[in-house]
Amino acid sequence: MRTRSVTSGLGIAANGGGSLTFVVPAADGRELAVEEWGEPAGHPVFLLHGTPGSRLGPIPRPMVLYQLGIRLISFDRPGYGRSDRRIGRAVGDIAADVRRIADFLELPEFGVLGRSGGGPHALACAALLPGRARRVAALVALAPAQAEGLDWFEGMAPSNTREYLAVRRQGELVSARLRSVADRIRANPAQHVANLYAELTGSDRRVVGDGGMRRMLLETFQEAFRTSADGWIDDLLAFCAPWGFDLGDIVVPTMLWHGANDTFSPAGHSRWLADRIPNSTVVVQPGSAHFGAFNVLPDMLTWLAHPVEAPWP
């Protein structure tokens, strides 16, 4: 457990799991809840959580982070957990929040890793923070809803298809249903994780069946909906609207990883992104699916922190 001296009256708490929690003010006065793990003097990497999710992970075990020499920084996107909402936010708006946290921590450069719903936000950092985000990885990411030449729903599970279609057609009218779902998850996150597990098959079931993974998912869902469903609602609205940046503007090395059997965000999305992002590498892993992204986190963190070739042939 470690501590950090903080000025400006910002709250801070050292947690029993070896992480550090603190609050950073955004440029517009919102509060951003931030969590740190790993080696304090290590290579800084921002981890952008999934949808829904929170700063609590899932993450690799702290010992793994120390062994890799990684200083892992995560934060609740606006509206999730302890971070204040930003109504009407676009995907690209996340770059200003990442810059603000990096400035607070005095980090001139850093890597960025986004998983699932964090993937598009990681790409926003690649496009809008080229002098700060030195390398970026997007795991099981979605493509823009306006992606030309992509059958956006091909290979997607019916439940996800219905959810995204409802957001596209009804927008804010979907909010009441999502708030009801969030209320149930907040009241009984363990049941939500059990329901999620029941819907999975194959490799995803093996990943989520791990006891440690279940505990992390339970904690992150509970924290995500600590006060409301605002972050979840705003994420879905942002994914279905213009993202606020051009993929062609990304010049930093970018890794795209996808499990071939993913039905939450099909692998075709990463292939489409790779065709439009200069200096990108795409890996579609056979036999893996959506939650397989957790298994490759150590390799991805290594790639982000060290100037080596991609960890896969």
C-alpha atoms as a PDB file:
ATOM      1  CA  MET A   1       0.000   0.000   0.000  1.00  0.00           C
ATOM      2  CA  ARG A   2       1.324   3.433  -0.822  1.00  0.00           C
ATOM      3  CA  THR A   3       0.311   7.043  -0.409  1.00  0.00           C
ATOM      4  CA  ARG A   4       0.777  10.241  -2.377  1.00  0.00           C
ATOM      5  CA  SER A   5       0.783  13.817  -1.184  1.00  0.00           C
ATOM      6  CA  VAL A   6      -1.970  15.747  -2.948  1.00  0.00           C
ATOM      7  CA  THR A   7      -2.607  19.461  -3.115  1.00  0.00           C
ATOM      8  CA  SER A   8      -5.757  21.494  -3.794  1.00  0.00           C
ATOM      9  CA  GLY A   9      -7.804  19.521  -1.283  1.00  0.00           C
ATOM     10  CA  LEU A  10      -8.319  16.522  -3.549  1.00  0.00           C
ATOM     11  CA  GLY A  11      -9.582  13.386  -1.806  1.00  0.00           C
ATOM     12  CA  ILE A  12      -7.312  10.370  -1.711  1.00  0.00           C
ATOM     13  CA  ALA A  13      -7.446   6.915  -0.157  1.00  0.00           C
ATOM     14  CA  ALA A  14      -5.093   3.951  -0.213  1.00  0.00           C
ATOM     15  CA  ASN A  15      -7.045   0.707  -0.711  1.00  0.00           C
ATOM     16  CA  GLY A  16      -6.369  -2.700   0.789  1.00  0.00           C
ATOM     17  CA  GLY A  17      -5.905  -4.254  -2.667  1.00  0.00           C
ATOM     18  CA  GLY A  18      -2.712  -2.266  -3.249  1.00  0.00           C
ATOM     19  CA  SER A  19      -4.368   0.447  -5.329  1.00  0.00           C
ATOM     20  CA  LEU A  20      -4.659   4.165  -4.805  1.00  0.00           C
ATOM     21  CA  THR A  21      -7.896   6.148  -5.303  1.00  0.00           C
ATOM     22  CA  PHE A  22      -8.012   9.898  -5.842  1.00  0.00           C
ATOM     23  CA  VAL A  23     -10.090  12.597  -7.522  1.00  0.00           C
ATOM     24  CA  VAL A  24      -8.934  14.920 -10.304  1.00  0.00           C
ATOM     25  CA  PRO A  25     -10.950  17.986 -11.354  1.00  0.00           C
ATOM     26  CA  ALA A  26     -11.784  18.084 -15.068  1.00  0.00           C
ATOM     27  CA  ALA A  27     -11.318  21.313 -17.008  1.00  0.00           C
ATOM     28  CA  ASP A  28     -15.025  22.152 -16.612  1.00  0.00           C
ATOM     29  CA  GLY A  29     -15.092  21.450 -12.879  1.00  0.00           C
ATOM     30  CA  ARG A  30     -16.407  17.869 -12.993  1.00  0.00           C
ATOM     31  CA  GLU A  31     -14.766  15.345 -10.692  1.00  0.00           C
ATOM     32  CA  LEU A  32     -12.978  12.315 -12.161  1.00  0.00           C
ATOM     33  CA  ALA A  33     -12.408   9.308  -9.895  1.00  0.00           C
ATOM     34  CA  VAL A  34      -9.030   7.715 -10.619  1.00  0.00           C
ATOM     35  CA  GLU A  35      -7.417   4.454  -9.494  1.00  0.00           C
ATOM     36  CA  GLU A  36      -3.744   3.439  -9.703  1.00  0.00           C
ATOM     37  CA  TRP A  37      -2.118   0.019  -9.436  1.00  0.00           C
ATOM     38  CA  GLY A  38       1.304  -1.456  -9.960  1.00  0.00           C
ATOM     39  CA  GLU A  39       4.826  -0.058  -9.989  1.00  0.00           C
ATOM     40  CA  PRO A  40       4.830   3.662  -9.023  1.00  0.00           C
ATOM     41  CA  ALA A  41       7.962   4.281 -11.089  1.00  0.00           C
ATOM     42  CA  GLY A  42       6.839   2.021 -13.943  1.00  0.00           C
ATOM     43  CA  HIS A  43       5.670   2.732 -17.470  1.00  0.00           C
ATOM     44  CA  PRO A  44       2.355   4.643 -17.236  1.00  0.00           C
ATOM     45  CA  VAL A  45      -0.593   3.080 -19.066  1.00  0.00           C
ATOM     46  CA  PHE A  46      -4.201   4.278 -18.971  1.00  0.00           C
ATOM     47  CA  LEU A  47      -6.771   1.460 -18.857  1.00  0.00           C
ATOM     48  CA  LEU A  48     -10.183   2.523 -20.215  1.00  0.00           C
ATOM     49  CA  HIS A  49     -12.943   0.264 -18.908  1.00  0.00           C
ATOM     50  CA  GLY A  50     -15.766  -1.487 -20.767  1.00  0.00           C
ATOM     51  CA  THR A  51     -19.480  -0.678 -21.092  1.00  0.00           C
ATOM     52  CA  PRO A  52     -20.833  -0.794 -18.475  1.00  0.00           C
ATOM     53  CA  GLY A  53     -17.841  -0.718 -16.179  1.00  0.00           C
ATOM     54  CA  SER A  54     -15.742   1.252 -13.763  1.00  0.00           C
ATOM     55  CA  ARG A  55     -12.187   2.087 -12.792  1.00  0.00           C
ATOM     56  CA  LEU A  56     -12.031  -1.107 -10.669  1.00  0.00           C
ATOM     57  CA  GLY A  57     -11.246  -3.376 -13.582  1.00  0.00           C
ATOM     58  CA  PRO A  58     -10.954  -6.223 -14.196  1.00  0.00           C
ATOM     59  CA  ILE A  59      -7.178  -5.759 -14.177  1.00  0.00           C
ATOM     60  CA  PRO A  60      -4.174  -8.090 -14.000  1.00  0.00           C
ATOM     61  CA  ARG A  61      -3.033  -9.071 -10.516  1.00  0.00           C
ATOM     62  CA  PRO A  62      -0.895  -6.373  -8.854  1.00  0.00           C
ATOM     63  CA  MET A  63       2.119  -8.720  -8.785  1.00  0.00           C
ATOM     64  CA  VAL A  64       1.887  -9.086 -12.573  1.00  0.00           C
ATOM     65  CA  LEU A  65       1.900  -5.307 -12.965  1.00  0.00           C
ATOM     66  CA  TYR A  66       5.006  -5.052 -10.779  1.00  0.00           C
ATOM     67  CA  GLN A  67       6.744  -7.786 -12.751  1.00  0.00           C
ATOM     68  CA  LEU A  68       5.938  -6.000 -16.026  1.00  0.00           C
ATOM     69  CA  GLY A  69       6.994  -2.621 -14.630  1.00  0.00           C
ATOM     70  CA  ILE A  70       3.574  -1.093 -15.304  1.00  0.00           C
ATOM     71  CA  ARG A  71       1.963   1.858 -13.548  1.00  0.00           C
ATOM     72  CA  LEU A  72      -1.689   1.263 -14.430  1.00  0.00           C
ATOM     73  CA  ILE A  73      -4.084   4.202 -14.290  1.00  0.00           C
ATOM     74  CA  SER A  74      -7.839   3.772 -14.629  1.00  0.00           C
ATOM     75  CA  PHE A  75     -10.748   6.148 -14.093  1.00  0.00           C
ATOM     76  CA  ASP A  76     -14.530   6.148 -14.145  1.00  0.00           C
ATOM     77  CA  ARG A  77     -15.803   7.637 -17.391  1.00  0.00           C
ATOM     78  CA  PRO A  78     -18.237  10.515 -16.794  1.00  0.00           C
ATOM     79  CA  GLY A  79     -21.463   9.245 -15.232  1.00  0.00           C
ATOM     80  CA  TYR A  80     -19.970   6.005 -13.910  1.00  0.00           C
ATOM     81  CA  GLY A  81     -18.956   5.272 -10.332  1.00  0.00           C
ATOM     82  CA  ARG A  82     -17.667   8.371  -8.583  1.00  0.00           C
ATOM     83  CA  SER A  83     -17.129  10.519 -11.721  1.00  0.00           C
ATOM     84  CA  ASP A  84     -19.558  13.314 -12.495  1.00  0.00           C
ATOM     85  CA  ARG A  85     -21.739  13.059 -15.586  1.00  0.00           C
ATOM     86  CA  ARG A  86     -21.061  15.011 -18.783  1.00  0.00           C
ATOM     87  CA  ILE A  87     -24.379  15.202 -20.627  1.00  0.00           C
ATOM     88  CA  GLY A  88     -24.155  14.866 -24.405  1.00  0.00           C
ATOM     89  CA  ARG A  89     -20.541  13.747 -24.420  1.00  0.00           C
ATOM     90  CA  ALA A  90     -18.988  12.332 -27.600  1.00  0.00           C
ATOM     91  CA  VAL A  91     -16.462   9.513 -27.696  1.00  0.00           C
ATOM     92  CA  GLY A  92     -13.737  12.018 -28.557  1.00  0.00           C
ATOM     93  CA  ASP A  93     -14.384  14.065 -25.421  1.00  0.00           C
ATOM     94  CA  ILE A  94     -12.580  11.456 -23.324  1.00  0.00           C
ATOM     95  CA  ALA A  95      -9.215  12.702 -24.622  1.00  0.00           C
ATOM     96  CA  ALA A  96      -9.504  15.940 -22.622  1.00  0.00           C
ATOM     97  CA  ASP A  97     -10.157  13.970 -19.417  1.00  0.00           C
ATOM     98  CA  VAL A  98      -7.169  11.689 -20.035  1.00  0.00           C
ATOM     99  CA  ARG A  99      -4.981  14.740 -20.705  1.00  0.00           C
ATOM    100  CA  ARG A 100      -6.204  16.355 -17.491  1.00  0.00           C
ATOM    101  CA  ILE A 101      -5.328  13.294 -15.395  1.00  0.00           C
ATOM    102  CA  ALA A 102      -1.954  12.926 -17.131  1.00  0.00           C
ATOM    103  CA  ASP A 103      -1.180  16.594 -16.415  1.00  0.00           C
ATOM    104  CA  PHE A 104      -2.135  16.118 -12.760  1.00  0.00           C
ATOM    105  CA  LEU A 105       0.197  13.102 -12.515  1.00  0.00           C
ATOM    106  CA  GLU A 106       2.916  14.960 -14.473  1.00  0.00           C
ATOM    107  CA  LEU A 107       3.061  12.322 -17.202  1.00  0.00           C
ATOM    108  CA  PRO A 108       4.426  13.719 -20.482  1.00  0.00           C
ATOM    109  CA  GLU A 109       3.800  10.417 -22.307  1.00  0.00           C
ATOM    110  CA  PHE A 110       1.820   7.261 -21.651  1.00  0.00           C
ATOM    111  CA  GLY A 111       0.220   4.231 -23.277  1.00  0.00           C
ATOM    112  CA  VAL A 112      -3.536   3.760 -23.581  1.00  0.00           C
ATOM    113  CA  LEU A 113      -5.441   0.470 -23.514  1.00  0.00           C
ATOM    114  CA  GLY A 114      -9.214   0.291 -24.010  1.00  0.00           C
ATOM    115  CA  ARG A 115     -11.286  -2.871 -23.729  1.00  0.00           C
ATOM    116  CA  SER A 116     -14.753  -3.302 -25.293  1.00  0.00           C
ATOM    117  CA  GLY A 117     -16.555   0.023 -24.751  1.00  0.00           C
ATOM    118  CA  GLY A 118     -13.203   1.513 -23.784  1.00  0.00           C
ATOM    119  CA  GLY A 119     -11.809   0.649 -27.235  1.00  0.00           C
ATOM    120  CA  PRO A 120     -13.355   3.572 -29.150  1.00  0.00           C
ATOM    121  CA  HIS A 121     -12.279   5.900 -26.336  1.00  0.00           C
ATOM    122  CA  ALA A 122      -8.704   4.610 -26.597  1.00  0.00           C
ATOM    123  CA  LEU A 123      -8.768   5.351 -30.324  1.00  0.00           C
ATOM    124  CA  ALA A 124      -9.933   8.884 -29.486  1.00  0.00           C
ATOM    125  CA  CYS A 125      -6.766   9.325 -27.429  1.00  0.00           C
ATOM    126  CA  ALA A 126      -4.696   7.995 -30.336  1.00  0.00           C
ATOM    127  CA  ALA A 127      -6.236  10.554 -32.688  1.00  0.00           C
ATOM    128  CA  LEU A 128      -6.423  13.570 -30.379  1.00  0.00           C
ATOM    129  CA  LEU A 129      -3.363  13.141 -28.116  1.00  0.00           C
ATOM    130  CA  PRO A 130      -0.628  12.116 -30.582  1.00  0.00           C
ATOM    131  CA  GLY A 131       2.086  13.916 -28.646  1.00  0.00           C
ATOM    132  CA  ARG A 132       1.140  12.259 -25.354  1.00  0.00           C
ATOM    133  CA  ALA A 133      -0.330   8.811 -26.162  1.00  0.00           C
ATOM    134  CA  ARG A 134       2.760   7.041 -27.512  1.00  0.00           C
ATOM    135  CA  ARG A 135       1.053   3.688 -28.242  1.00  0.00           C
ATOM    136  CA  VAL A 136      -2.585   2.600 -28.122  1.00  0.00           C
ATOM    137  CA  ALA A 137      -4.332  -0.771 -27.938  1.00  0.00           C
ATOM    138  CA  ALA A 138      -8.059  -1.347 -28.506  1.00  0.00           C
ATOM    139  CA  LEU A 139      -9.355  -4.795 -27.526  1.00  0.00           C
ATOM    140  CA  VAL A 140     -12.719  -6.156 -28.791  1.00  0.00           C
ATOM    141  CA  ALA A 141     -13.662  -2.629 -29.859  1.00  0.00           C
ATOM    142  CA  LEU A 142     -16.695  -1.422 -31.766  1.00  0.00           C
ATOM    143  CA  ALA A 143     -16.518   0.402 -35.085  1.00  0.00           C
ATOM    144  CA  PRO A 144     -18.486   3.635 -35.554  1.00  0.00           C
ATOM    145  CA  ALA A 145     -22.213   3.146 -36.103  1.00  0.00           C
ATOM    146  CA  GLN A 146     -21.834   5.024 -39.407  1.00  0.00           C
ATOM    147  CA  ALA A 147     -19.104   2.660 -40.656  1.00  0.00           C
ATOM    148  CA  GLU A 148     -19.435   2.469 -44.448  1.00  0.00           C
ATOM    149  CA  GLY A 149     -18.918  -0.961 -45.932  1.00  0.00           C
ATOM    150  CA  LEU A 150     -19.455  -2.792 -42.634  1.00  0.00           C
ATOM    151  CA  ASP A 151     -22.493  -4.870 -41.743  1.00  0.00           C
ATOM    152  CA  TRP A 152     -22.427  -3.524 -38.184  1.00  0.00           C
ATOM    153  CA  PHE A 153     -24.704  -6.222 -36.730  1.00  0.00           C
ATOM    154  CA  GLU A 154     -23.287  -9.258 -38.568  1.00  0.00           C
ATOM    155  CA  GLY A 155     -22.253 -11.859 -35.992  1.00  0.00           C
ATOM    156  CA  MET A 156     -23.674  -9.865 -33.065  1.00  0.00           C
ATOM    157  CA  ALA A 157     -25.832 -11.578 -30.448  1.00  0.00           C
ATOM    158  CA  PRO A 158     -29.574 -10.822 -30.731  1.00  0.00           C
ATOM    159  CA  SER A 159     -29.654  -9.141 -27.302  1.00  0.00           C
ATOM    160  CA  ASN A 160     -26.897  -6.674 -28.232  1.00  0.00           C
ATOM    161  CA  THR A 161     -28.462  -6.087 -31.638  1.00  0.00           C
ATOM    162  CA  ARG A 162     -31.788  -5.184 -30.036  1.00  0.00           C
ATOM    163  CA  GLU A 163     -30.100  -2.853 -27.554  1.00  0.00           C
ATOM    164  CA  TYR A 164     -28.143  -0.890 -30.150  1.00  0.00           C
ATOM    165  CA  LEU A 165     -31.101  -0.698 -32.542  1.00  0.00           C
ATOM    166  CA  ALA A 166     -33.248   0.688 -29.732  1.00  0.00           C
ATOM    167  CA  VAL A 167     -30.631   3.342 -28.942  1.00  0.00           C
ATOM    168  CA  ARG A 168     -30.367   4.322 -32.607  1.00  0.00           C
ATOM    169  CA  ARG A 169     -34.139   4.562 -33.093  1.00  0.00           C
ATOM    170  CA  GLN A 170     -35.299   5.839 -29.729  1.00  0.00           C
ATOM    171  CA  GLY A 171     -32.269   7.454 -28.123  1.00  0.00           C
ATOM    172  CA  GLU A 172     -33.149   8.863 -24.730  1.00  0.00           C
ATOM    173  CA  LEU A 173     -36.400   6.874 -24.662  1.00  0.00           C
ATOM    174  CA  VAL A 174     -34.251   3.846 -23.877  1.00  0.00           C
ATOM    175  CA  SER A 175     -32.966   5.526 -20.725  1.00  0.00           C
ATOM    176  CA  ALA A 176     -35.858   4.450 -18.504  1.00  0.00           C
ATOM    177  CA  ARG A 177     -35.307   0.770 -19.318  1.00  0.00           C
ATOM    178  CA  LEU A 178     -31.554   1.017 -18.742  1.00  0.00           C
ATOM    179  CA  ARG A 179     -32.101   2.765 -15.420  1.00  0.00           C
ATOM    180  CA  SER A 180     -34.372  -0.064 -14.339  1.00  0.00           C
ATOM    181  CA  VAL A 181     -31.745  -2.641 -15.300  1.00  0.00           C
ATOM    182  CA  ALA A 182     -29.051  -0.668 -13.483  1.00  0.00           C
ATOM    183  CA  ASP A 183     -31.200  -0.533 -10.348  1.00  0.00           C
ATOM    184  CA  ARG A 184     -31.457  -4.330 -10.372  1.00  0.00           C
ATOM    185  CA  ILE A 185     -27.705  -4.735 -10.889  1.00  0.00           C
ATOM    186  CA  ARG A 186     -26.952  -2.304  -8.068  1.00  0.00           C
ATOM    187  CA  ALA A 187     -29.281  -4.206  -5.749  1.00  0.00           C
ATOM    188  CA  ASN A 188     -27.843  -7.628  -6.654  1.00  0.00           C
ATOM    189  CA  PRO A 189     -24.638  -7.502  -8.719  1.00  0.00           C
ATOM    190  CA  ALA A 190     -23.937 -11.183  -8.007  1.00  0.00           C
ATOM    191  CA  GLN A 191     -27.156 -12.167  -9.776  1.00  0.00           C
ATOM    192  CA  HIS A 192     -26.181 -10.039 -12.769  1.00  0.00           C
ATOM    193  CA  VAL A 193     -22.808 -11.789 -13.030  1.00  0.00           C
ATOM    194  CA  ALA A 194     -24.587 -15.156 -12.744  1.00  0.00           C
ATOM    195  CA  ASN A 195     -27.018 -14.149 -15.511  1.00  0.00           C
ATOM    196  CA  LEU A 196     -24.118 -13.036 -17.684  1.00  0.00           C
ATOM    197  CA  TYR A 197     -22.334 -16.338 -17.156  1.00  0.00           C
ATOM    198  CA  ALA A 198     -25.472 -18.262 -18.110  1.00  0.00           C
ATOM    199  CA  GLU A 199     -25.555 -16.488 -21.492  1.00  0.00           C
ATOM    200  CA  LEU A 200     -21.925 -17.284 -22.338  1.00  0.00           C
ATOM    201  CA  THR A 201     -20.536 -20.258 -24.216  1.00  0.00           C
ATOM    202  CA  GLY A 202     -17.151 -21.791 -24.932  1.00  0.00           C
ATOM    203  CA  SER A 203     -14.050 -19.770 -24.162  1.00  0.00           C
ATOM    204  CA  ASP A 204     -15.937 -16.838 -22.590  1.00  0.00           C
ATOM    205  CA  ARG A 205     -17.552 -19.174 -20.072  1.00  0.00           C
ATOM    206  CA  ARG A 206     -14.118 -20.482 -19.077  1.00  0.00           C
ATOM    207  CA  VAL A 207     -12.801 -16.946 -18.502  1.00  0.00           C
ATOM    208  CA  VAL A 208     -15.790 -15.700 -16.496  1.00  0.00           C
ATOM    209  CA  GLY A 209     -15.999 -19.009 -14.612  1.00  0.00           C
ATOM    210  CA  ASP A 210     -12.799 -18.151 -12.761  1.00  0.00           C
ATOM    211  CA  GLY A 211     -13.576 -17.134  -9.168  1.00  0.00           C
ATOM    212  CA  GLY A 212     -11.220 -14.162  -9.172  1.00  0.00           C
ATOM    213  CA  MET A 213     -12.649 -12.865 -12.434  1.00  0.00           C
ATOM    214  CA  ARG A 214     -16.192 -13.134 -11.070  1.00  0.00           C
ATOM    215  CA  ARG A 215     -15.240 -11.108  -8.011  1.00  0.00           C
ATOM    216  CA  MET A 216     -13.704  -8.375 -10.131  1.00  0.00           C
ATOM    217  CA  LEU A 217     -16.735  -8.240 -12.414  1.00  0.00           C
ATOM    218  CA  LEU A 218     -19.054  -8.042  -9.413  1.00  0.00           C
ATOM    219  CA  GLU A 219     -17.044  -5.147  -7.959  1.00  0.00           C
ATOM    220  CA  THR A 220     -16.819  -3.223 -11.217  1.00  0.00           C
ATOM    221  CA  PHE A 221     -20.553  -3.536 -11.986  1.00  0.00           C
ATOM    222  CA  GLN A 222     -21.484  -2.530  -8.453  1.00  0.00           C
ATOM    223  CA  GLU A 223     -19.222   0.518  -8.662  1.00  0.00           C
ATOM    224  CA  ALA A 224     -20.373   1.402 -12.200  1.00  0.00           C
ATOM    225  CA  PHE A 225     -23.949   1.891 -10.986  1.00  0.00           C
ATOM    226  CA  ARG A 226     -23.061   3.324  -7.567  1.00  0.00           C
ATOM    227  CA  THR A 227     -25.341   6.343  -8.137  1.00  0.00           C
ATOM    228  CA  SER A 228     -27.059   5.942 -11.512  1.00  0.00           C
ATOM    229  CA  ALA A 229     -27.065   4.472 -15.025  1.00  0.00           C
ATOM    230  CA  ASP A 230     -25.917   7.775 -16.549  1.00  0.00           C
ATOM    231  CA  GLY A 231     -22.521   6.527 -17.705  1.00  0.00           C
ATOM    232  CA  TRP A 232     -24.027   3.469 -19.413  1.00  0.00           C
ATOM    233  CA  ILE A 233     -26.682   5.541 -21.160  1.00  0.00           C
ATOM    234  CA  ASP A 234     -24.179   8.158 -22.311  1.00  0.00           C
ATOM    235  CA  ASP A 235     -21.753   5.512 -23.602  1.00  0.00           C
ATOM    236  CA  LEU A 236     -24.422   3.897 -25.791  1.00  0.00           C
ATOM    237  CA  LEU A 237     -25.618   7.249 -27.114  1.00  0.00           C
ATOM    238  CA  ALA A 238     -22.016   8.248 -27.890  1.00  0.00           C
ATOM    239  CA  PHE A 239     -21.260   5.004 -29.744  1.00  0.00           C
ATOM    240  CA  CYS A 240     -24.274   5.529 -32.009  1.00  0.00           C
ATOM    241  CA  ALA A 241     -23.450   9.191 -32.745  1.00  0.00           C
ATOM    242  CA  PRO A 242     -20.458  10.656 -34.624  1.00  0.00           C
ATOM    243  CA  TRP A 243     -17.356  10.026 -32.527  1.00  0.00           C
ATOM    244  CA  GLY A 244     -15.790  13.473 -32.908  1.00  0.00           C
ATOM    245  CA  PHE A 245     -12.497  12.488 -34.535  1.00  0.00           C
ATOM    246  CA  ASP A 246     -11.172  10.969 -37.763  1.00  0.00           C
ATOM    247  CA  LEU A 247      -9.629   7.497 -37.626  1.00  0.00           C
ATOM    248  CA  GLY A 248      -7.331   8.547 -40.462  1.00  0.00           C
ATOM    249  CA  ASP A 249      -5.713  11.097 -38.138  1.00  0.00           C
ATOM    250  CA  ILE A 250      -4.231   8.350 -35.959  1.00  0.00           C
ATOM    251  CA  VAL A 251      -0.476   8.195 -36.503  1.00  0.00           C
ATOM    252  CA  VAL A 252       0.762   6.451 -33.334  1.00  0.00           C
ATOM    253  CA  PRO A 253       1.304   2.662 -33.342  1.00  0.00           C
ATOM    254  CA  THR A 254      -2.086   1.070 -32.715  1.00  0.00           C
ATOM    255  CA  MET A 255      -2.875  -2.541 -31.835  1.00  0.00           C
ATOM    256  CA  LEU A 256      -6.334  -3.978 -32.461  1.00  0.00           C
ATOM    257  CA  TRP A 257      -7.123  -7.339 -30.846  1.00  0.00           C
ATOM    258  CA  HIS A 258     -10.284  -9.414 -31.199  1.00  0.00           C
ATOM    259  CA  GLY A 259     -11.456 -12.901 -30.366  1.00  0.00           C
ATOM    260  CA  ALA A 260     -12.722 -14.563 -33.541  1.00  0.00           C
ATOM    261  CA  ASN A 261     -15.856 -15.870 -31.794  1.00  0.00           C
ATOM    262  CA  ASP A 262     -16.926 -12.575 -30.189  1.00  0.00           C
ATOM    263  CA  THR A 263     -20.696 -11.952 -30.393  1.00  0.00           C
ATOM    264  CA  PHE A 264     -20.766  -8.832 -28.189  1.00  0.00           C
ATOM    265  CA  SER A 265     -18.706  -6.789 -30.661  1.00  0.00           C
ATOM    266  CA  PRO A 266     -17.907  -8.993 -33.684  1.00  0.00           C
ATOM    267  CA  ALA A 267     -14.355  -9.299 -34.992  1.00  0.00           C
ATOM    268  CA  GLY A 268     -15.337  -7.639 -38.263  1.00  0.00           C
ATOM    269  CA  HIS A 269     -15.338  -4.339 -36.382  1.00  0.00           C
ATOM    270  CA  SER A 270     -11.605  -4.551 -35.627  1.00  0.00           C
ATOM    271  CA  ARG A 271     -10.839  -5.605 -39.198  1.00  0.00           C
ATOM    272  CA  TRP A 272     -12.793  -2.568 -40.460  1.00  0.00           C
ATOM    273  CA  LEU A 273     -10.934  -0.265 -38.065  1.00  0.00           C
ATOM    274  CA  ALA A 274      -7.548  -1.665 -39.085  1.00  0.00           C
ATOM    275  CA  ASP A 275      -8.255  -0.874 -42.741  1.00  0.00           C
ATOM    276  CA  ARG A 276      -8.721   2.788 -41.811  1.00  0.00           C
ATOM    277  CA  ILE A 277      -6.079   3.394 -39.155  1.00  0.00           C
ATOM    278  CA  PRO A 278      -2.545   4.014 -40.456  1.00  0.00           C
ATOM    279  CA  ASN A 279       0.256   2.206 -38.621  1.00  0.00           C
ATOM    280  CA  SER A 280      -2.163  -0.291 -37.077  1.00  0.00           C
ATOM    281  CA  THR A 281      -1.896  -4.037 -36.488  1.00  0.00           C
ATOM    282  CA  VAL A 282      -4.933  -6.298 -36.137  1.00  0.00           C
ATOM    283  CA  VAL A 283      -4.897  -9.680 -34.409  1.00  0.00           C
ATOM    284  CA  VAL A 284      -7.998 -11.893 -34.606  1.00  0.00           C
ATOM    285  CA  GLN A 285      -7.388 -14.844 -32.311  1.00  0.00           C
ATOM    286  CA  PRO A 286      -9.050 -18.168 -33.176  1.00  0.00           C
ATOM    287  CA  GLY A 287     -10.814 -19.961 -30.353  1.00  0.00           C
ATOM    288  CA  SER A 288     -11.210 -16.793 -28.305  1.00  0.00           C
ATOM    289  CA  ALA A 289     -14.185 -14.474 -27.858  1.00  0.00           C
ATOM    290  CA  HIS A 290     -15.102 -11.252 -26.034  1.00  0.00           C
ATOM    291  CA  PHE A 291     -13.802 -11.960 -22.529  1.00  0.00           C
ATOM    292  CA  GLY A 292     -10.625 -13.444 -23.945  1.00  0.00           C
ATOM    293  CA  ALA A 293      -9.397  -9.854 -23.958  1.00  0.00           C
ATOM    294  CA  PHE A 294      -8.662 -10.250 -20.237  1.00  0.00           C
ATOM    295  CA  ASN A 295      -6.234 -13.087 -20.960  1.00  0.00           C
ATOM    296  CA  VAL A 296      -4.109 -10.975 -23.316  1.00  0.00           C
ATOM    297  CA  LEU A 297      -3.847  -7.931 -21.040  1.00  0.00           C
ATOM    298  CA  PRO A 298      -0.276  -8.778 -19.873  1.00  0.00           C
ATOM    299  CA  ASP A 299       0.948  -9.132 -23.475  1.00  0.00           C
ATOM    300  CA  MET A 300      -0.787  -5.906 -24.466  1.00  0.00           C
ATOM    301  CA  LEU A 301       0.658  -4.015 -21.522  1.00  0.00           C
ATOM    302  CA  THR A 302       4.120  -5.264 -22.457  1.00  0.00           C
ATOM    303  CA  TRP A 303       3.633  -4.056 -26.033  1.00  0.00           C
ATOM    304  CA  LEU A 304       2.403  -0.663 -24.847  1.00  0.00           C
ATOM    305  CA  ALA A 305       5.264  -0.116 -22.429  1.00  0.00           C
ATOM    306  CA  HIS A 306       8.213  -1.375 -24.469  1.00  0.00           C
ATOM    307  CA  PRO A 307       9.230  -0.587 -28.067  1.00  0.00           C
ATOM    308  CA  VAL A 308       9.108  -4.152 -29.333  1.00  0.00           C
ATOM    309  CA  GLU A 309       7.269  -5.903 -32.085  1.00  0.00           C
ATOM    310  CA  ALA A 310       3.725  -7.181 -31.602  1.00  0.00           C
ATOM    311  CA  PRO A 311       3.513 -10.168 -29.203  1.00  0.00           C
ATOM    312  CA  TRP A 312       1.930 -12.355 -31.891  1.00  0.00           C
ATOM    313  CA  PRO A 313       3.460 -13.541 -35.161  1.00  0.00           C
END
